Amino acid sequence: MSDRDESDAAPRPRPQYGEYATPEEQRARIAGTTGEAPHPDVAPTAVVEVDARADASSGLPTPRPTTAAARPTRTADRIITIALLAYGLVTVIGAIPQLVDFVGFTDTWMRTAGIDATLSDPAAGRAWGIAAAIVYSIGWLLTAVLTWWSLSARRLSWWIPLVGAIVTFLIVGMLLTVPLVTDSGFMEGFMTSR
């Protein structure tokens, strides 16, 4: 660049927050406003923060903090997460009446599976069905709380309803399997249908 080009260039804006100041100049400015100079080993970012406060007292606008990275809003994650939670709620609400009526649930399931059997002790199965309905409800509530906590912290959350559904379904599946496997009428019909 020639001398003529430098003189035609627009003047550099006056620094507002000590951007162009050397660490020594920053220390001198701090010492002038607070009465004490920072230690020479203080990181430059800390000096700039103190300098920004000094500028705020002089009536200049304060800078926004730039040390923390802004977290993304993740709108798609929120939509997917809420949709998964809503689907889970509809599933749980629909499953609870079926699980409480364990005999009707097993009759429908056995007809669908092609097993010609009846439960020999339907009353014992009812307690397992109620326990499965309770576990289903608690599993969804726990998943919803964990998801809300993760969403409020602006973390990626779509996976929480999926993992919660899988874990809850496995536990409910075990609770429903126990009364069927221990029932002699069901096992007899299961073996003859194979």
Foldseek 3Di string as FASTA:
>chain_A
DDPVVVVPDDDDDDDQQCPVPDPVRLQVVLCVQPVDGDDPPDDPVVSSVSSLVVSVVVVDDHDDDDPDDDADLPPVLVVLQVVLLVVLVVVLVVQLVLLLQVQVVVVVVCVVVVFPFHFPDVVVSNVLSNVLSVLSVVLSVVLVVVQVVCSVVVHRRNCSSVVSVVVSVVVSVVSNVVSQVPTPRNVVRVVVRD
